[in-house]
């Protein structure tokens, strides 16, 4: 959208990259993730030994690998936006394809992690830690899957606004993981 069609009705959102309605969605999603993370904090306060036991079953190397995967994919998405603004649609699409492929790699790693937990009998009903773990990481994984689809769409409909909109969503997915990983996997 051009600045003139966005003035007035969107206020401060008009100054953000991409479509302002995506920012409304991002703010809403961040509030949901925030509520889930507050749930983790409450469970940690009420049942610290249960949380420590749950964390000891988590794979820090797999979580770390997924962190590297998402940070790299976020860089590719940002680079795609820059290339598109320079007029390099082909390069932009290639970077988006790379970001999407890394999103799929994230989901594959998360699937390996879930399969390991299931094999050990650690499910959503095991205790409050595992309930929150699966709800939070599953909700995040659903956002990764939607983000991969969105990156594909904005790669196909490759306009600057579309790329900025898709990249904003993808960076929200990155940001959530960069908060989720240390709080769930590392903080003892």
C-alpha atoms as a PDB file:
ATOM      1  CA  UNK A   1       0.000   0.000   0.000  1.00  0.00           C
ATOM      2  CA  UNK A   2       1.188   3.463  -0.631  1.00  0.00           C
ATOM      3  CA  UNK A   3       1.515   5.796   2.310  1.00  0.00           C
ATOM      4  CA  UNK A   4      -1.419   7.904   1.131  1.00  0.00           C
ATOM      5  CA  UNK A   5      -3.931   5.040   1.359  1.00  0.00           C
ATOM      6  CA  UNK A   6      -2.731   4.097   4.841  1.00  0.00           C
ATOM      7  CA  UNK A   7      -2.745   7.529   6.441  1.00  0.00           C
ATOM      8  CA  UNK A   8      -5.308   8.345   9.062  1.00  0.00           C
ATOM      9  CA  UNK A   9      -7.029   5.064   9.877  1.00  0.00           C
ATOM     10  CA  UNK A  10      -4.047   3.047  11.060  1.00  0.00           C
ATOM     11  CA  UNK A  11      -2.246   5.581  13.255  1.00  0.00           C
ATOM     12  CA  UNK A  12       1.190   4.366  14.332  1.00  0.00           C
ATOM     13  CA  UNK A  13       0.699   1.105  12.418  1.00  0.00           C
ATOM     14  CA  UNK A  14       0.853   3.079   9.171  1.00  0.00           C
ATOM     15  CA  UNK A  15       4.568   3.642   9.723  1.00  0.00           C
ATOM     16  CA  UNK A  16       5.408  -0.065  10.047  1.00  0.00           C
ATOM     17  CA  UNK A  17       6.569  -2.105   7.040  1.00  0.00           C
ATOM     18  CA  UNK A  18       4.010  -4.220   5.219  1.00  0.00           C
ATOM     19  CA  UNK A  19       0.264  -4.268   5.644  1.00  0.00           C
ATOM     20  CA  UNK A  20      -0.981  -2.793   8.950  1.00  0.00           C
ATOM     21  CA  UNK A  21      -3.497  -5.605   9.460  1.00  0.00           C
ATOM     22  CA  UNK A  22      -0.555  -8.036   9.771  1.00  0.00           C
ATOM     23  CA  UNK A  23       0.697  -5.958  12.676  1.00  0.00           C
ATOM     24  CA  UNK A  24      -2.697  -6.273  14.364  1.00  0.00           C
ATOM     25  CA  UNK A  25      -2.370 -10.056  13.973  1.00  0.00           C
ATOM     26  CA  UNK A  26       1.236 -10.019  15.234  1.00  0.00           C
ATOM     27  CA  UNK A  27       0.296  -8.023  18.336  1.00  0.00           C
ATOM     28  CA  UNK A  28      -2.559 -10.428  19.056  1.00  0.00           C
ATOM     29  CA  UNK A  29      -0.345 -13.474  18.594  1.00  0.00           C
ATOM     30  CA  UNK A  30       2.350 -12.005  20.818  1.00  0.00           C
ATOM     31  CA  UNK A  31      -0.266 -11.554  23.549  1.00  0.00           C
ATOM     32  CA  UNK A  32      -1.259 -15.230  23.259  1.00  0.00           C
ATOM     33  CA  UNK A  33       2.356 -16.370  23.397  1.00  0.00           C
ATOM     34  CA  UNK A  34       2.899 -14.024  26.336  1.00  0.00           C
ATOM     35  CA  UNK A  35       0.005 -15.641  28.210  1.00  0.00           C
ATOM     36  CA  UNK A  36       1.486 -19.090  27.579  1.00  0.00           C
ATOM     37  CA  UNK A  37       4.873 -17.946  28.845  1.00  0.00           C
ATOM     38  CA  UNK A  38       3.234 -16.458  31.944  1.00  0.00           C
ATOM     39  CA  UNK A  39       1.697 -19.908  32.433  1.00  0.00           C
ATOM     40  CA  UNK A  40       5.205 -21.370  32.358  1.00  0.00           C
ATOM     41  CA  UNK A  41       6.353 -18.825  34.943  1.00  0.00           C
ATOM     42  CA  UNK A  42       3.465 -19.685  37.256  1.00  0.00           C
ATOM     43  CA  UNK A  43       4.106 -23.421  36.927  1.00  0.00           C
ATOM     44  CA  UNK A  44       7.817 -22.801  37.557  1.00  0.00           C
ATOM     45  CA  UNK A  45       6.970 -20.916  40.769  1.00  0.00           C
ATOM     46  CA  UNK A  46       4.430 -23.460  42.010  1.00  0.00           C
ATOM     47  CA  UNK A  47       6.205 -26.656  40.939  1.00  0.00           C
ATOM     48  CA  UNK A  48       9.931 -25.979  40.456  1.00  0.00           C
ATOM     49  CA  UNK A  49      10.967 -29.643  40.772  1.00  0.00           C
ATOM     50  CA  UNK A  50       8.436 -30.715  38.135  1.00  0.00           C
ATOM     51  CA  UNK A  51       9.775 -28.057  35.749  1.00  0.00           C
ATOM     52  CA  UNK A  52      13.373 -29.108  36.366  1.00  0.00           C
ATOM     53  CA  UNK A  53      12.456 -32.742  35.733  1.00  0.00           C
ATOM     54  CA  UNK A  54      10.693 -31.778  32.511  1.00  0.00           C
ATOM     55  CA  UNK A  55      13.569 -29.605  31.360  1.00  0.00           C
ATOM     56  CA  UNK A  56      16.034 -32.411  31.982  1.00  0.00           C
ATOM     57  CA  UNK A  57      14.172 -34.442  29.354  1.00  0.00           C
ATOM     58  CA  UNK A  58      14.429 -31.673  26.751  1.00  0.00           C
ATOM     59  CA  UNK A  59      17.143 -31.721  24.101  1.00  0.00           C
ATOM     60  CA  UNK A  60      19.147 -28.509  24.327  1.00  0.00           C
ATOM     61  CA  UNK A  61      21.146 -29.450  21.191  1.00  0.00           C
ATOM     62  CA  UNK A  62      17.940 -29.879  19.144  1.00  0.00           C
ATOM     63  CA  UNK A  63      16.523 -26.643  20.548  1.00  0.00           C
ATOM     64  CA  UNK A  64      19.803 -24.901  19.769  1.00  0.00           C
ATOM     65  CA  UNK A  65      19.803 -26.314  16.241  1.00  0.00           C
ATOM     66  CA  UNK A  66      16.269 -25.023  15.749  1.00  0.00           C
ATOM     67  CA  UNK A  67      17.396 -21.618  17.012  1.00  0.00           C
ATOM     68  CA  UNK A  68      20.157 -21.499  14.395  1.00  0.00           C
ATOM     69  CA  UNK A  69      17.705 -22.661  11.724  1.00  0.00           C
ATOM     70  CA  UNK A  70      15.156 -19.938  12.511  1.00  0.00           C
ATOM     71  CA  UNK A  71      17.718 -17.141  12.893  1.00  0.00           C
ATOM     72  CA  UNK A  72      19.203 -18.074   9.520  1.00  0.00           C
ATOM     73  CA  UNK A  73      15.771 -18.228   7.919  1.00  0.00           C
ATOM     74  CA  UNK A  74      14.936 -14.814   9.371  1.00  0.00           C
ATOM     75  CA  UNK A  75      18.126 -13.415   7.853  1.00  0.00           C
ATOM     76  CA  UNK A  76      17.155 -14.909   4.477  1.00  0.00           C
ATOM     77  CA  UNK A  77      13.677 -13.353   4.711  1.00  0.00           C
ATOM     78  CA  UNK A  78      15.154  -9.948   5.559  1.00  0.00           C
ATOM     79  CA  UNK A  79      17.623 -10.298   2.699  1.00  0.00           C
ATOM     80  CA  UNK A  80      14.731 -11.176   0.368  1.00  0.00           C
ATOM     81  CA  UNK A  81      13.006  -7.900   1.269  1.00  0.00           C
ATOM     82  CA  UNK A  82      16.181  -5.941   0.598  1.00  0.00           C
ATOM     83  CA  UNK A  83      16.762  -7.672  -2.730  1.00  0.00           C
ATOM     84  CA  UNK A  84      13.147  -6.985  -3.763  1.00  0.00           C
ATOM     85  CA  UNK A  85      13.550  -3.302  -2.922  1.00  0.00           C
ATOM     86  CA  UNK A  86      16.629  -3.331  -5.177  1.00  0.00           C
ATOM     87  CA  UNK A  87      14.512  -4.843  -7.974  1.00  0.00           C
ATOM     88  CA  UNK A  88      16.020  -8.351  -7.798  1.00  0.00           C
ATOM     89  CA  UNK A  89      12.836 -10.441  -7.823  1.00  0.00           C
ATOM     90  CA  UNK A  90      14.668 -13.673  -8.673  1.00  0.00           C
ATOM     91  CA  UNK A  91      17.131 -13.261  -5.824  1.00  0.00           C
ATOM     92  CA  UNK A  92      14.297 -12.342  -3.505  1.00  0.00           C
ATOM     93  CA  UNK A  93      12.357 -15.472  -4.423  1.00  0.00           C
ATOM     94  CA  UNK A  94      15.442 -17.623  -3.955  1.00  0.00           C
ATOM     95  CA  UNK A  95      15.997 -16.233  -0.435  1.00  0.00           C
ATOM     96  CA  UNK A  96      12.335 -16.765   0.422  1.00  0.00           C
ATOM     97  CA  UNK A  97      12.565 -20.353  -0.801  1.00  0.00           C
ATOM     98  CA  UNK A  98      15.596 -20.825   1.450  1.00  0.00           C
ATOM     99  CA  UNK A  99      13.759 -19.296   4.415  1.00  0.00           C
ATOM    100  CA  UNK A 100      10.779 -21.566   3.749  1.00  0.00           C
ATOM    101  CA  UNK A 101      13.002 -24.637   3.417  1.00  0.00           C
ATOM    102  CA  UNK A 102      14.602 -23.806   6.751  1.00  0.00           C
ATOM    103  CA  UNK A 103      11.131 -23.437   8.241  1.00  0.00           C
ATOM    104  CA  UNK A 104      10.402 -26.987   7.074  1.00  0.00           C
ATOM    105  CA  UNK A 105      13.724 -28.099   8.593  1.00  0.00           C
ATOM    106  CA  UNK A 106      12.638 -26.527  11.894  1.00  0.00           C
ATOM    107  CA  UNK A 107       9.414 -28.534  11.762  1.00  0.00           C
ATOM    108  CA  UNK A 108      11.332 -31.735  10.984  1.00  0.00           C
ATOM    109  CA  UNK A 109      13.612 -31.201  13.994  1.00  0.00           C
ATOM    110  CA  UNK A 110      10.577 -30.435  16.155  1.00  0.00           C
ATOM    111  CA  UNK A 111       8.978 -33.666  14.879  1.00  0.00           C
ATOM    112  CA  UNK A 112      12.078 -35.642  15.911  1.00  0.00           C
ATOM    113  CA  UNK A 113      11.898 -34.038  19.338  1.00  0.00           C
ATOM    114  CA  UNK A 114       8.180 -34.794  19.720  1.00  0.00           C
ATOM    115  CA  UNK A 115       8.706 -38.406  18.598  1.00  0.00           C
ATOM    116  CA  UNK A 116      11.446 -38.840  21.206  1.00  0.00           C
ATOM    117  CA  UNK A 117       9.192 -37.478  23.944  1.00  0.00           C
ATOM    118  CA  UNK A 118       6.313 -39.707  22.852  1.00  0.00           C
ATOM    119  CA  UNK A 119       8.605 -42.766  22.869  1.00  0.00           C
ATOM    120  CA  UNK A 120       9.500 -41.898  26.468  1.00  0.00           C
ATOM    121  CA  UNK A 121       5.822 -41.591  27.416  1.00  0.00           C
ATOM    122  CA  UNK A 122       5.981 -37.812  27.858  1.00  0.00           C
ATOM    123  CA  UNK A 123       2.719 -36.480  26.488  1.00  0.00           C
ATOM    124  CA  UNK A 124       0.474 -33.481  26.868  1.00  0.00           C
ATOM    125  CA  UNK A 125      -1.250 -35.065  29.880  1.00  0.00           C
ATOM    126  CA  UNK A 126       1.926 -36.109  31.745  1.00  0.00           C
ATOM    127  CA  UNK A 127       1.928 -33.016  33.966  1.00  0.00           C
ATOM    128  CA  UNK A 128       1.546 -29.231  33.781  1.00  0.00           C
ATOM    129  CA  UNK A 129       5.071 -28.766  32.400  1.00  0.00           C
ATOM    130  CA  UNK A 130       4.422 -31.075  29.447  1.00  0.00           C
ATOM    131  CA  UNK A 131       0.971 -29.620  28.860  1.00  0.00           C
ATOM    132  CA  UNK A 132       2.467 -26.147  28.547  1.00  0.00           C
ATOM    133  CA  UNK A 133       5.462 -27.439  26.590  1.00  0.00           C
ATOM    134  CA  UNK A 134       3.278 -29.048  23.928  1.00  0.00           C
ATOM    135  CA  UNK A 135       0.757 -26.198  23.830  1.00  0.00           C
ATOM    136  CA  UNK A 136       3.437 -23.528  23.500  1.00  0.00           C
ATOM    137  CA  UNK A 137       5.816 -25.305  21.130  1.00  0.00           C
ATOM    138  CA  UNK A 138       2.924 -26.795  19.161  1.00  0.00           C
ATOM    139  CA  UNK A 139       1.310 -23.376  18.783  1.00  0.00           C
ATOM    140  CA  UNK A 140       4.676 -22.037  17.672  1.00  0.00           C
ATOM    141  CA  UNK A 141       5.140 -24.925  15.214  1.00  0.00           C
ATOM    142  CA  UNK A 142       1.706 -24.142  13.743  1.00  0.00           C
ATOM    143  CA  UNK A 143       2.904 -20.578  13.209  1.00  0.00           C
ATOM    144  CA  UNK A 144       6.054 -21.857  11.530  1.00  0.00           C
ATOM    145  CA  UNK A 145       3.904 -23.970   9.190  1.00  0.00           C
ATOM    146  CA  UNK A 146       1.667 -20.971   8.406  1.00  0.00           C
ATOM    147  CA  UNK A 147       4.766 -18.827   7.938  1.00  0.00           C
ATOM    148  CA  UNK A 148       6.189 -21.261   5.389  1.00  0.00           C
ATOM    149  CA  UNK A 149       2.919 -21.063   3.452  1.00  0.00           C
ATOM    150  CA  UNK A 150       2.936 -17.267   3.739  1.00  0.00           C
ATOM    151  CA  UNK A 151       6.532 -17.076   2.487  1.00  0.00           C
ATOM    152  CA  UNK A 152       5.499 -19.169  -0.510  1.00  0.00           C
ATOM    153  CA  UNK A 153       2.576 -16.865  -1.261  1.00  0.00           C
ATOM    154  CA  UNK A 154       4.612 -13.657  -0.960  1.00  0.00           C
ATOM    155  CA  UNK A 155       7.346 -15.227  -3.082  1.00  0.00           C
ATOM    156  CA  UNK A 156       4.763 -15.895  -5.766  1.00  0.00           C
ATOM    157  CA  UNK A 157       3.047 -12.504  -5.384  1.00  0.00           C
ATOM    158  CA  UNK A 158       6.400 -10.771  -5.021  1.00  0.00           C
ATOM    159  CA  UNK A 159       5.674  -7.107  -4.300  1.00  0.00           C
ATOM    160  CA  UNK A 160       7.545  -5.006  -1.769  1.00  0.00           C
ATOM    161  CA  UNK A 161       4.485  -4.707   0.481  1.00  0.00           C
ATOM    162  CA  UNK A 162       3.790  -8.433   0.318  1.00  0.00           C
ATOM    163  CA  UNK A 163       7.390  -9.253   1.186  1.00  0.00           C
ATOM    164  CA  UNK A 164       7.451  -6.781   4.058  1.00  0.00           C
ATOM    165  CA  UNK A 165       4.190  -8.243   5.351  1.00  0.00           C
ATOM    166  CA  UNK A 166       5.379 -11.847   5.091  1.00  0.00           C
ATOM    167  CA  UNK A 167       8.768 -11.026   6.582  1.00  0.00           C
ATOM    168  CA  UNK A 168       7.113  -9.240   9.524  1.00  0.00           C
ATOM    169  CA  UNK A 169       5.148 -12.408  10.325  1.00  0.00           C
ATOM    170  CA  UNK A 170       8.257 -14.566   9.903  1.00  0.00           C
ATOM    171  CA  UNK A 171      10.257 -12.325  12.224  1.00  0.00           C
ATOM    172  CA  UNK A 172       7.487 -12.630  14.823  1.00  0.00           C
ATOM    173  CA  UNK A 173       7.900 -16.417  14.582  1.00  0.00           C
ATOM    174  CA  UNK A 174      11.671 -15.979  15.048  1.00  0.00           C
ATOM    175  CA  UNK A 175      11.219 -13.624  17.995  1.00  0.00           C
ATOM    176  CA  UNK A 176       8.834 -15.969  19.773  1.00  0.00           C
ATOM    177  CA  UNK A 177      11.323 -18.847  19.457  1.00  0.00           C
ATOM    178  CA  UNK A 178      14.191 -16.623  20.656  1.00  0.00           C
ATOM    179  CA  UNK A 179      12.153 -16.000  23.826  1.00  0.00           C
ATOM    180  CA  UNK A 180      10.672 -19.499  24.105  1.00  0.00           C
ATOM    181  CA  UNK A 181      13.917 -21.469  23.752  1.00  0.00           C
ATOM    182  CA  UNK A 182      15.815 -19.927  26.668  1.00  0.00           C
ATOM    183  CA  UNK A 183      12.774 -19.706  28.944  1.00  0.00           C
ATOM    184  CA  UNK A 184      11.602 -23.277  28.390  1.00  0.00           C
ATOM    185  CA  UNK A 185      14.830 -25.131  27.629  1.00  0.00           C
ATOM    186  CA  UNK A 186      17.617 -23.238  29.399  1.00  0.00           C
ATOM    187  CA  UNK A 187      16.393 -21.195  32.380  1.00  0.00           C
ATOM    188  CA  UNK A 188      16.908 -23.286  35.512  1.00  0.00           C
END
